Amino acid sequence: MWLRGYGRVKPGNVGTAVVAGHVASSGHGDVFAALSSVHVGNTLRIRSGATTRTYVVKRAAVVKKATLTHDADVWGQNTSKRRVVLITCDADLGYRSDGHRVANYVVVADAV
């Protein structure tokens, strides 16, 4: 899911694009099942329409959901870089009483 609103942009535009996806669905790996294997320094190629851009991962980490809501890399103002943030759930910190995970795996990458 590409997040629209909150000042986020379309992937490939100057600003921060946020894309969230499931790590698992119905007991099977989903679109971001392997996201936690992405690390700082890795490159990503993301296609938006007819354009493909290369991004370098600047940050990749487990982040508590409560912390993520105020994360400057994700929600802060960015008027100079083409940035993409990929977010999925992460079980490393356990589960809440409602069955949802406590944390997310967050990848922040800037276009080169």
Protein backbone atom coordinates (compact mmCIF):
# COMPACT_ATOMS: atom_id res chain seq x y z
CA MET A 1 0.00 0.00 0.00
CA TRP A 2 1.38 3.37 -0.98
CA LEU A 3 0.40 5.87 1.72
CA ARG A 4 -1.17 9.03 0.39
CA GLY A 5 -1.64 12.09 2.55
CA TYR A 6 0.30 13.39 5.54
CA GLY A 7 2.61 15.20 3.10
CA ARG A 8 3.91 11.95 1.60
CA VAL A 9 4.67 11.80 -2.12
CA LYS A 10 4.38 9.31 -4.95
CA PRO A 11 7.44 7.01 -5.11
CA GLY A 12 10.12 8.62 -7.28
CA ASN A 13 9.15 12.21 -6.50
CA VAL A 14 11.19 14.54 -4.31
CA GLY A 15 10.00 13.99 -0.76
CA THR A 16 9.28 10.87 1.28
CA ALA A 17 7.15 8.08 -0.16
CA VAL A 18 5.85 5.50 2.33
CA VAL A 19 4.94 1.99 1.23
CA ALA A 20 3.58 -0.51 3.76
CA GLY A 21 2.96 -4.18 3.21
CA HIS A 22 2.22 -7.37 5.12
CA VAL A 23 4.99 -9.72 6.20
CA ALA A 24 2.47 -12.57 6.35
CA SER A 25 -1.17 -13.15 5.49
CA SER A 26 -3.26 -16.22 6.25
CA GLY A 27 -0.17 -17.97 7.59
CA HIS A 28 1.88 -17.48 4.41
CA GLY A 29 4.64 -15.03 3.48
CA ASP A 30 3.29 -11.86 1.86
CA VAL A 31 4.77 -9.04 -0.22
CA PHE A 32 7.26 -7.90 2.47
CA ALA A 33 8.07 -11.36 3.88
CA ALA A 34 11.80 -10.86 3.18
CA LEU A 35 12.02 -7.15 4.09
CA SER A 36 14.00 -7.89 7.26
CA SER A 37 16.81 -9.24 5.06
CA VAL A 38 17.36 -5.71 3.68
CA HIS A 39 20.25 -3.93 5.41
CA VAL A 40 22.08 -0.59 5.35
CA GLY A 41 24.11 -0.24 2.14
CA ASN A 42 21.86 -2.54 0.06
CA THR A 43 20.41 -1.12 -3.13
CA LEU A 44 16.75 -1.27 -4.12
CA ARG A 45 15.24 -0.77 -7.55
CA ILE A 46 11.73 0.61 -7.47
CA ARG A 47 9.54 1.07 -10.50
CA SER A 48 6.89 3.76 -10.51
CA GLY A 49 5.04 3.90 -13.80
CA ALA A 50 7.58 3.73 -16.63
CA THR A 51 10.47 4.97 -14.44
CA THR A 52 12.79 2.75 -12.40
CA ARG A 53 15.00 4.36 -9.76
CA THR A 54 17.82 2.95 -7.68
CA TYR A 55 17.86 3.67 -3.95
CA VAL A 56 20.54 3.03 -1.33
CA VAL A 57 19.37 1.85 2.09
CA LYS A 58 20.37 4.40 4.75
CA ARG A 59 18.55 2.77 7.65
CA ALA A 60 17.01 -0.64 8.30
CA ALA A 61 15.82 -1.53 11.79
CA VAL A 62 13.13 -2.88 14.07
CA VAL A 63 11.12 0.07 15.43
CA LYS A 64 8.39 0.00 18.07
CA LYS A 65 5.06 1.09 16.58
CA ALA A 66 4.74 3.87 19.20
CA THR A 67 8.16 5.23 18.17
CA LEU A 68 7.38 4.96 14.46
CA THR A 69 4.49 7.41 14.77
CA HIS A 70 7.02 10.19 15.52
CA ASP A 71 9.94 9.05 13.36
CA ALA A 72 11.46 12.05 11.56
CA ASP A 73 12.87 9.92 8.69
CA VAL A 74 9.33 8.76 7.92
CA TRP A 75 7.11 11.72 8.83
CA GLY A 76 9.49 14.70 8.92
CA GLN A 77 9.71 17.32 6.21
CA ASN A 78 11.87 16.37 3.23
CA THR A 79 12.06 18.81 0.34
CA SER A 80 15.42 17.82 -1.14
CA LYS A 81 15.67 14.02 -1.52
CA ARG A 82 13.82 11.29 -3.35
CA ARG A 83 13.24 8.95 -0.41
CA VAL A 84 11.24 5.77 0.00
CA VAL A 85 10.30 4.18 3.32
CA LEU A 86 9.20 0.54 3.36
CA ILE A 87 7.33 -0.70 6.45
CA THR A 88 6.12 -4.11 7.57
CA CYS A 89 5.31 -5.80 10.87
CA ASP A 90 8.07 -7.47 12.87
CA ALA A 91 7.74 -10.10 15.60
CA ASP A 92 11.18 -9.57 17.22
CA LEU A 93 9.68 -7.57 20.12
CA GLY A 94 6.67 -9.84 20.56
CA TYR A 95 2.93 -9.37 20.34
CA ARG A 96 0.35 -7.12 21.97
CA SER A 97 -2.64 -8.55 23.84
CA ASP A 98 -4.77 -8.02 20.70
CA GLY A 99 -2.48 -10.32 18.68
CA HIS A 100 -0.78 -7.59 16.66
CA ARG A 101 2.98 -7.24 16.64
CA VAL A 102 4.62 -4.63 18.90
CA ALA A 103 7.07 -3.44 16.25
CA ASN A 104 7.67 -2.81 12.57
CA TYR A 105 10.67 -3.39 10.33
CA VAL A 106 11.46 -0.08 8.67
CA VAL A 107 13.71 0.51 5.67
CA VAL A 108 14.66 4.07 4.69
CA ALA A 109 16.37 4.50 1.31
CA ASP A 110 17.42 7.52 -0.74
CA ALA A 111 17.65 7.68 -4.53
CA VAL A 112 21.09 7.77 -6.08
